Protein backbone atom coordinates (compact mmCIF):
# COMPACT_ATOMS: atom_id res chain seq x y z
CA UNK A 1 121.20 138.64 146.70
CA UNK A 2 119.90 136.84 143.43
CA UNK A 3 116.80 135.43 142.59
CA UNK A 4 116.22 132.15 144.61
CA UNK A 5 117.70 134.40 147.58
CA UNK A 6 121.35 132.77 146.96
CA UNK A 7 124.19 135.59 146.70
CA UNK A 8 125.41 135.23 143.24
CA UNK A 9 123.08 132.51 142.24
CA UNK A 10 120.39 133.24 139.72
CA UNK A 11 117.42 130.52 139.64
CA UNK A 12 114.67 130.31 136.88
CA UNK A 13 112.21 128.05 136.61
CA UNK A 14 111.26 127.01 133.43
CA UNK A 15 107.87 124.66 132.49
CA UNK A 16 107.10 123.50 128.93
CA UNK A 17 103.24 124.49 129.73
CA UNK A 18 102.03 127.02 127.13
CA UNK A 19 100.23 129.77 127.95
CA UNK A 20 103.12 132.49 128.18
CA UNK A 21 105.05 133.76 131.20
CA UNK A 22 101.94 135.60 133.27
CA UNK A 23 99.97 132.77 132.86
CA UNK A 24 101.82 130.17 134.40
CA UNK A 25 102.26 132.38 137.23
CA UNK A 26 98.36 133.02 137.34
CA UNK A 27 98.45 129.63 137.16
CA UNK A 28 100.72 128.77 140.35
CA UNK A 29 99.19 131.43 142.19
CA UNK A 30 95.93 129.77 141.89
CA UNK A 31 97.53 126.95 143.83
CA UNK A 32 98.94 129.33 146.77
CA UNK A 33 102.06 129.15 144.77
CA UNK A 34 102.51 132.54 144.96
CA UNK A 35 106.26 135.41 145.00
CA UNK A 36 108.38 132.26 143.93
CA UNK A 37 111.54 134.82 144.56
CA UNK A 38 112.51 133.94 141.36
CA UNK A 39 111.48 133.98 137.20
CA UNK A 40 108.96 130.94 135.88
CA UNK A 41 109.09 130.83 132.15
CA UNK A 42 106.65 128.73 129.79
CA UNK A 43 108.67 127.24 127.01
CA UNK A 44 106.11 125.50 124.82
CA UNK A 45 108.56 124.67 122.14
CA UNK A 46 111.29 123.90 124.33
CA UNK A 47 113.77 126.60 123.10
CA UNK A 48 115.38 126.77 126.17
CA UNK A 49 116.02 123.04 126.66
CA UNK A 50 119.89 122.00 126.88
CA UNK A 51 121.04 120.48 123.46
CA UNK A 52 121.49 117.21 125.14
CA UNK A 53 119.87 113.80 125.48
CA UNK A 54 118.60 114.14 129.02
CA UNK A 55 114.92 114.90 128.80
CA UNK A 56 112.20 112.38 129.32
CA UNK A 57 109.28 113.96 127.21
CA UNK A 58 105.92 112.86 127.24
CA UNK A 59 102.47 114.39 125.99
CA UNK A 60 100.34 115.71 128.65
CA UNK A 61 96.33 115.36 127.83
CA UNK A 62 95.43 117.81 129.85
CA UNK A 63 92.93 120.32 127.57
CA UNK A 64 89.55 119.16 129.21
CA UNK A 65 90.86 120.29 132.61
CA UNK A 66 89.90 123.57 134.02
CA UNK A 67 92.65 125.67 134.32
CA UNK A 68 91.07 127.99 137.30
CA UNK A 69 92.59 131.04 135.19
CA UNK A 70 90.86 132.81 132.00
CA UNK A 71 93.28 130.48 129.58
CA UNK A 72 91.99 127.09 128.76
CA UNK A 73 94.82 124.44 129.32
CA UNK A 74 96.33 122.79 126.24
CA UNK A 75 97.60 119.85 125.82
CA UNK A 76 101.43 119.93 125.23
CA UNK A 77 104.85 117.61 125.50
CA UNK A 78 105.63 117.67 129.12
CA UNK A 79 109.42 117.58 130.24
CA UNK A 80 110.07 115.24 133.10
CA UNK A 81 112.04 117.59 135.78
CA UNK A 82 115.35 118.66 135.57
CA UNK A 83 117.80 120.73 136.82
CA UNK A 84 120.72 122.50 134.47
CA UNK A 85 123.66 124.71 136.47
CA UNK A 86 125.43 127.13 134.04
CA UNK A 87 128.60 128.99 134.80
CA UNK A 88 128.05 132.53 134.13
CA UNK A 89 130.52 131.67 130.90
CA UNK A 90 127.52 129.65 129.34
CA UNK A 91 129.51 126.34 129.98
CA UNK A 92 127.55 123.64 131.66
CA UNK A 93 128.57 123.22 135.36
CA UNK A 94 125.82 120.66 136.56
CA UNK A 95 123.29 118.56 135.33
CA UNK A 96 120.15 116.15 137.05
CA UNK A 97 117.44 114.51 135.05
CA UNK A 98 115.89 111.02 135.03
CA UNK A 99 118.58 110.42 132.18
CA UNK A 100 121.51 111.06 134.14
CA UNK A 101 123.12 108.78 137.47
CA UNK A 102 121.94 107.87 139.59
CA UNK A 103 118.64 107.60 137.47
CA UNK A 104 119.85 106.88 133.88
CA UNK A 105 119.44 102.98 134.10
CA UNK A 106 116.11 102.83 136.07
CA UNK A 107 113.31 101.55 133.77
CA UNK A 108 110.80 102.03 132.38
CA UNK A 109 110.91 105.91 132.68
CA UNK A 110 107.55 106.46 133.90
CA UNK A 111 106.22 107.55 136.80
CA UNK A 112 105.45 104.82 139.12
CA UNK A 113 108.76 102.84 138.53
CA UNK A 114 109.97 102.69 141.95
CA UNK A 115 113.84 103.68 142.46
CA UNK A 116 115.76 101.39 144.84
CA UNK A 117 116.17 103.45 148.20
CA UNK A 118 113.96 106.14 146.56
CA UNK A 119 110.92 105.67 146.30
CA UNK A 120 109.10 105.90 142.88
CA UNK A 121 110.63 107.98 139.90
CA UNK A 122 108.23 110.86 139.63
CA UNK A 123 108.87 111.77 143.15
CA UNK A 124 112.77 111.68 142.82
CA UNK A 125 114.03 115.48 142.78
CA UNK A 126 117.36 117.47 143.88
CA UNK A 127 117.36 118.40 147.59
CA UNK A 128 116.59 122.20 147.28
CA UNK A 129 118.17 123.15 150.25
CA UNK A 130 121.40 121.20 148.53
CA UNK A 131 121.61 123.26 145.47
CA UNK A 132 123.35 126.03 146.40
CA UNK A 133 126.37 123.74 148.32
CA UNK A 134 126.32 121.90 145.53
CA UNK A 135 127.09 124.51 142.95
CA UNK A 136 130.03 126.01 145.55
CA UNK A 137 131.36 122.94 145.73
CA UNK A 138 131.43 121.58 142.09
CA UNK A 139 129.14 118.85 142.74
CA UNK A 140 126.01 117.29 142.06
CA UNK A 141 123.39 118.01 143.98
CA UNK A 142 122.07 114.95 146.26
CA UNK A 143 118.37 113.82 145.46
CA UNK A 144 115.21 112.88 147.41
CA UNK A 145 112.09 111.45 147.17
CA UNK A 146 109.39 113.79 147.74
CA UNK A 147 106.80 110.88 148.17
CA UNK A 148 106.55 108.97 151.41
CA UNK A 149 106.00 105.33 150.81
CA UNK A 150 102.84 104.34 151.39
CA UNK A 151 101.41 100.47 152.70
CA UNK A 152 98.71 98.66 151.37
CA UNK A 153 97.27 98.60 155.39
CA UNK A 154 97.37 102.87 154.88
CA UNK A 155 95.50 102.76 151.78
């Protein structure tokens, strides 16, 4: 079985946060995200990004925050979420980000912009359970909002 638990599919997570792969894994473990079942890569120079205009980048100022590990946080250029699926040949099969349908026309590209029928932009993500079926069926992954709307009465 391939990393991530799907036969024939290799899953890798890439973050723009600096510190190196081992440090990112340590920071995740401190937050009770251990043994993810797939490799996590630190890519602060954005060398692993697809050379296409699909990414929303924003300065993440976190150098004053506690990293909860021995390596301090550094400010870095964060990349908003994206999913890129490559075929074994290296050809791109599927791409999802805030810059692709159905989110490409949503403006402004900031965390709290409401996406009709989904919720705040920051919470719109591919449905994890649909990633493998979408790859096998050669279609775009289905989306959901990982945040539930909160009414002012609840707040």
